[in-house]
Protein backbone atom coordinates (compact mmCIF):
# COMPACT_ATOMS: atom_id res chain seq x y z
CA MET A 1 18.85 -13.70 -11.66
CA LYS A 2 20.51 -15.85 -8.97
CA ALA A 3 19.79 -13.20 -6.35
CA MET A 4 16.15 -13.12 -7.43
CA ILE A 5 15.86 -16.90 -7.16
CA ARG A 6 17.36 -16.83 -3.66
CA PHE A 7 14.93 -14.10 -2.68
CA SER A 8 11.97 -16.05 -4.06
CA LYS A 9 12.98 -19.13 -2.04
CA PHE A 10 13.22 -17.00 1.07
CA LEU A 11 9.70 -15.68 0.43
CA ALA A 12 8.44 -19.25 0.01
CA TYR A 13 9.89 -20.04 3.44
CA VAL A 14 8.43 -16.93 5.10
CA LEU A 15 4.96 -17.25 3.59
CA GLY A 16 4.60 -21.01 3.18
CA ARG A 17 6.51 -22.58 6.06
CA HIS A 18 7.18 -20.41 9.10
CA PRO A 19 5.51 -16.98 8.99
CA GLU A 20 5.32 -17.01 12.79
CA GLU A 21 9.12 -16.72 12.95
CA PHE A 22 8.67 -13.26 11.44
CA GLY A 23 5.63 -12.27 13.48
CA LEU A 24 3.21 -12.82 10.60
CA VAL A 25 -0.22 -14.46 10.90
CA PRO A 26 -1.78 -15.52 7.57
CA ASP A 27 -5.56 -15.50 7.16
CA PRO A 28 -7.43 -18.82 6.61
CA ALA A 29 -6.56 -18.64 2.89
CA GLY A 30 -2.85 -18.19 3.62
CA TYR A 31 -2.68 -14.49 2.72
CA VAL A 32 -0.86 -11.75 4.59
CA LYS A 33 -0.90 -8.06 3.81
CA ILE A 34 1.94 -7.00 1.55
CA LYS A 35 2.69 -3.97 3.70
CA GLU A 36 3.01 -6.25 6.76
CA LEU A 37 5.35 -8.56 4.86
CA LEU A 38 7.53 -5.63 3.80
CA LYS A 39 7.73 -4.39 7.39
CA ALA A 40 8.80 -7.85 8.56
CA LEU A 41 11.39 -8.16 5.79
CA GLY A 42 12.71 -4.72 6.65
CA GLU A 43 13.75 -6.10 10.03
CA GLU A 44 15.94 -8.77 8.43
CA GLU A 45 19.55 -8.17 7.52
CA GLY A 46 19.92 -8.04 3.75
CA PHE A 47 16.22 -7.40 3.02
CA ARG A 48 15.71 -3.91 4.43
CA ASN A 49 15.36 -2.30 1.01
CA VAL A 50 12.75 -4.70 -0.39
CA ARG A 51 9.84 -2.93 -2.07
CA LYS A 52 6.60 -3.99 -3.72
CA SER A 53 8.32 -3.65 -7.10
CA HIS A 54 10.73 -6.47 -6.15
CA LEU A 55 7.76 -8.76 -5.54
CA ASP A 56 6.25 -7.84 -8.90
CA GLU A 57 9.58 -8.52 -10.58
CA ILE A 58 9.55 -12.10 -9.26
CA LEU A 59 6.11 -12.65 -10.78
CA ILE A 60 7.24 -11.27 -14.13
CA SER A 61 10.74 -12.74 -14.38
CA LEU A 62 10.48 -16.25 -12.96
CA PRO A 63 8.68 -18.91 -15.01
CA GLU A 64 7.27 -20.52 -11.84
CA PRO A 65 7.14 -17.90 -9.10
CA PRO A 66 6.54 -19.38 -5.61
CA ILE A 67 4.21 -16.52 -4.62
CA GLU A 68 0.93 -15.07 -5.79
CA ILE A 69 -0.50 -11.62 -5.23
CA GLU A 70 -4.15 -10.69 -4.95
CA GLY A 71 -4.60 -6.93 -4.58
CA PRO A 72 -2.93 -5.86 -1.31
CA LEU A 73 -2.39 -9.50 -0.23
CA ILE A 74 0.31 -12.06 -0.89
CA ARG A 75 0.71 -15.78 -0.16
CA ALA A 76 2.89 -18.75 -1.00
CA LYS A 77 1.66 -21.13 -3.68
CA ASN A 78 2.86 -24.15 -1.73
CA ARG A 79 1.15 -24.08 1.68
CA GLU A 80 1.22 -27.79 2.54
CA VAL A 81 3.26 -27.26 5.71
CA LEU A 82 1.92 -23.83 6.58
CA PRO A 83 1.10 -23.86 10.33
CA LYS A 84 -2.50 -23.21 11.27
CA PRO A 85 -3.95 -22.02 14.58
CA VAL A 86 -4.55 -24.97 16.92
CA LYS A 87 -6.46 -24.85 20.19
CA THR A 88 -4.19 -25.28 23.17
CA THR A 89 -4.28 -25.29 26.95
CA THR A 90 -0.54 -25.75 27.30
CA LEU A 91 0.59 -22.21 27.85
CA PRO A 92 3.56 -20.37 29.32
CA LYS A 93 2.83 -18.42 32.47
CA HIS A 94 3.14 -15.11 30.65
CA LEU A 95 2.54 -14.02 27.09
CA TYR A 96 3.36 -10.65 25.61
CA THR A 97 1.71 -8.30 23.17
CA CYS A 98 2.03 -4.64 22.25
CA ILE A 99 -0.50 -1.90 21.61
CA ARG A 100 -0.38 1.62 20.25
CA LYS A 101 0.41 4.26 22.82
CA ARG A 102 -2.81 6.15 22.05
CA ALA A 103 -4.84 2.97 22.76
CA HIS A 104 -3.38 2.63 26.25
CA PRO A 105 -6.31 4.27 28.17
CA HIS A 106 -8.90 2.37 26.12
CA ILE A 107 -7.22 -0.99 26.76
CA LEU A 108 -7.11 -0.40 30.51
CA GLU A 109 -10.88 0.17 30.55
CA ASN A 110 -12.04 -2.35 27.94
CA GLY A 111 -9.41 -5.08 27.70
CA ILE A 112 -7.28 -6.13 24.75
CA THR A 113 -9.16 -6.49 21.48
CA PRO A 114 -7.95 -7.36 17.95
CA THR A 115 -6.79 -4.68 15.54
CA GLY A 116 -6.38 -5.36 11.83
CA ILE A 117 -6.81 -9.14 12.11
CA PRO A 118 -9.42 -11.30 13.90
CA TYR A 119 -7.13 -12.25 16.77
CA VAL A 120 -5.06 -10.73 19.55
CA VAL A 121 -1.55 -11.87 18.63
CA MET A 122 0.81 -12.71 21.50
CA SER A 123 4.28 -14.18 21.80
CA ASP A 124 6.14 -16.07 24.49
CA SER A 125 9.02 -13.68 23.80
CA LYS A 126 9.16 -10.01 24.77
CA GLU A 127 11.54 -9.37 21.89
CA MET A 128 9.12 -10.74 19.30
CA ALA A 129 6.19 -8.86 20.84
CA GLU A 130 8.13 -5.59 20.73
CA ARG A 131 9.26 -6.32 17.18
CA MET A 132 5.64 -6.71 16.07
CA GLY A 133 4.61 -3.72 18.16
CA LYS A 134 7.06 -1.39 16.44
CA ARG A 135 5.29 -2.08 13.17
CA ILE A 136 2.25 -0.22 14.45
CA ASP A 137 3.85 2.37 16.74
CA PRO A 138 7.43 3.69 17.12
CA GLU A 139 7.00 3.46 20.90
CA PRO A 140 4.49 0.66 21.57
CA VAL A 141 3.20 -0.23 25.02
CA LEU A 142 4.18 -3.74 26.12
CA LEU A 143 1.48 -5.75 27.93
CA THR A 144 2.00 -8.95 29.92
CA VAL A 145 -0.88 -11.42 29.54
CA GLN A 146 -1.48 -13.75 32.50
CA SER A 147 -2.46 -17.00 30.84
CA GLU A 148 -3.82 -18.74 33.96
CA LYS A 149 -6.17 -15.87 34.84
CA SER A 150 -7.23 -15.67 31.21
CA THR A 151 -8.20 -19.35 31.01
CA GLU A 152 -10.15 -18.96 34.26
CA ARG A 153 -12.12 -16.26 32.43
CA ASN A 154 -12.83 -18.75 29.61
CA VAL A 155 -10.38 -17.24 27.14
CA GLN A 156 -9.61 -19.75 24.38
CA PHE A 157 -6.00 -19.71 23.19
CA TYR A 158 -4.67 -20.94 19.86
CA ARG A 159 -1.09 -21.83 19.13
CA MET A 160 0.41 -20.61 15.85
CA GLY A 161 3.67 -22.35 15.08
CA ASP A 162 6.37 -22.36 17.71
CA ASN A 163 6.16 -18.94 19.34
CA LEU A 164 2.86 -17.17 18.59
CA PHE A 165 -0.44 -17.48 20.43
CA LEU A 166 -3.83 -16.10 19.43
CA ALA A 167 -7.01 -15.24 21.32
CA ASP A 168 -10.28 -13.50 20.50
CA THR A 169 -9.84 -11.03 23.36
CA ILE A 170 -8.10 -10.61 26.70
CA PRO A 171 -10.43 -9.13 29.36
CA CYS A 172 -9.45 -6.61 32.00
CA GLY A 173 -7.80 -8.16 35.04
CA CYS A 174 -5.98 -10.75 32.92
CA PHE A 175 -2.98 -8.68 31.91
CA ILE A 176 -0.44 -6.35 33.42
CA ALA A 177 0.04 -2.93 31.85
CA PRO A 178 2.29 -0.02 32.76
CA PRO A 179 0.53 2.94 34.41
CA LEU A 180 -0.63 5.76 32.21
CA PRO A 181 1.95 8.53 31.88
CA LYS A 182 1.20 11.57 33.98
CA GLN A 183 -0.32 14.44 32.07
CA PRO A 184 1.88 17.56 32.20
CA THR A 185 0.32 20.24 34.40
CA VAL A 186 -0.12 23.65 32.86
CA MET A 187 1.83 26.10 34.98
CA LYS A 188 0.16 29.44 35.46
CA ALA A 189 2.28 32.42 34.62
CA LYS A 190 3.45 34.27 37.70
CA GLU A 191 1.51 37.41 38.33
CA THR A 192 3.49 40.60 38.62
CA ASP A 193 3.11 42.81 41.65
CA MET A 194 1.04 45.23 39.59
CA GLU A 195 -1.35 42.43 38.51
CA LYS A 196 -1.90 41.06 41.98
CA LYS A 197 -5.03 42.21 43.68
CA ARG A 198 -4.30 43.55 47.10
CA ASP A 199 -6.86 44.07 49.80
CA PRO A 200 -6.96 47.63 51.16
CA GLN A 201 -5.06 48.06 54.41
CA PRO A 202 -7.02 49.04 57.51
CA GLY A 203 -7.56 52.80 57.60
CA SER A 204 -6.59 53.27 53.94
CA TYR A 205 -8.79 55.07 51.43
CA PRO A 206 -8.92 53.57 47.94
CA ILE A 207 -8.81 56.28 45.29
CA ALA A 208 -11.46 55.82 42.63
CA PRO A 209 -10.98 57.14 39.08
CA LYS A 210 -13.64 59.78 39.60
CA HIS A 211 -11.67 61.17 42.54
CA ILE A 212 -8.55 61.33 40.44
CA GLU A 213 -10.42 63.08 37.66
CA SER A 214 -12.04 65.60 39.98
CA ARG A 215 -8.76 66.32 41.70
CA GLY A 216 -7.12 66.85 38.35
CA LYS A 217 -9.82 69.29 37.31
CA HIS A 218 -9.55 71.11 40.60
CA LYS A 219 -5.82 71.53 40.18
CA GLY A 220 -6.29 72.84 36.67
CA LYS A 221 -8.82 75.41 37.87
CA LYS A 222 -6.50 76.66 40.61
CA LYS A 223 -3.67 77.01 38.18
CA ASP A 224 -5.83 78.94 35.78
CA ILE A 225 -7.05 81.37 38.53
CA SER A 226 -3.54 82.14 39.79
CA TRP A 227 -2.40 82.97 36.26
CA LYS A 228 -5.24 85.44 35.77
CA GLN A 229 -4.63 87.00 39.17
CA GLU A 230 -0.97 87.55 38.32
CA LEU A 231 -1.94 89.27 35.05
CA ARG A 232 -4.31 91.59 36.91
CA ASN A 233 -1.57 92.56 39.37
CA LEU A 234 0.76 93.48 36.50
CA ARG A 235 -1.88 95.69 34.95
CA ARG A 236 -2.51 97.46 38.24
CA GLN A 237 1.19 98.14 38.70
CA LYS A 238 1.39 99.72 35.24
CA GLN A 239 -1.61 101.93 35.96
CA ARG A 240 -0.06 103.20 39.17
CA ARG A 241 3.18 104.14 37.42
CA ARG A 242 1.21 106.28 35.01
């Protein structure tokens, strides 16, 4: 029971005080997706084996659980000090966010757009950005957002707690992305000497199949005639002996 109480207090801290420390952004009602919470907890030492059943157990076992669950969502009951997005123009020079590898070409052409939540979530720390990125892709692509260029393009930033920043979108030209990986070229199988087409040499005479066939027939006819002639000669010799 003591372990469960400690865990419930930790959840109250994560969901009700500083979700941004764990790369979580609650919706306006304070909810986050349970699956996102479990991914974040799985990155913390001592909480890597937490499952949905452990959350349900808190609701059942504790007389006053500090959390409440609504379908696939969870939030803290006490949200008095929960940080909310606040407009800001005080920005670090660079912010960082990650995208799925398969979205890389699309982002280069269309800019960074939200996925899953209404905002593009960025951090002033590469480590936090990569931590959040690995929740959506084992090998995410790290992007560097240029805050000055973004504000010049009328991008409105919001600060979420101490280390997260939000924006509706980041247009092309306002971020640095690694180049697309080169597509592997399909190597053609080497042709054998028999498969290579060779041009006829000057003065040569290409043999067509019909010539081969006719020559074969001609040879057969000659062979047949010589055999008959030999038989006739033998008969004549016998007749002379008689």
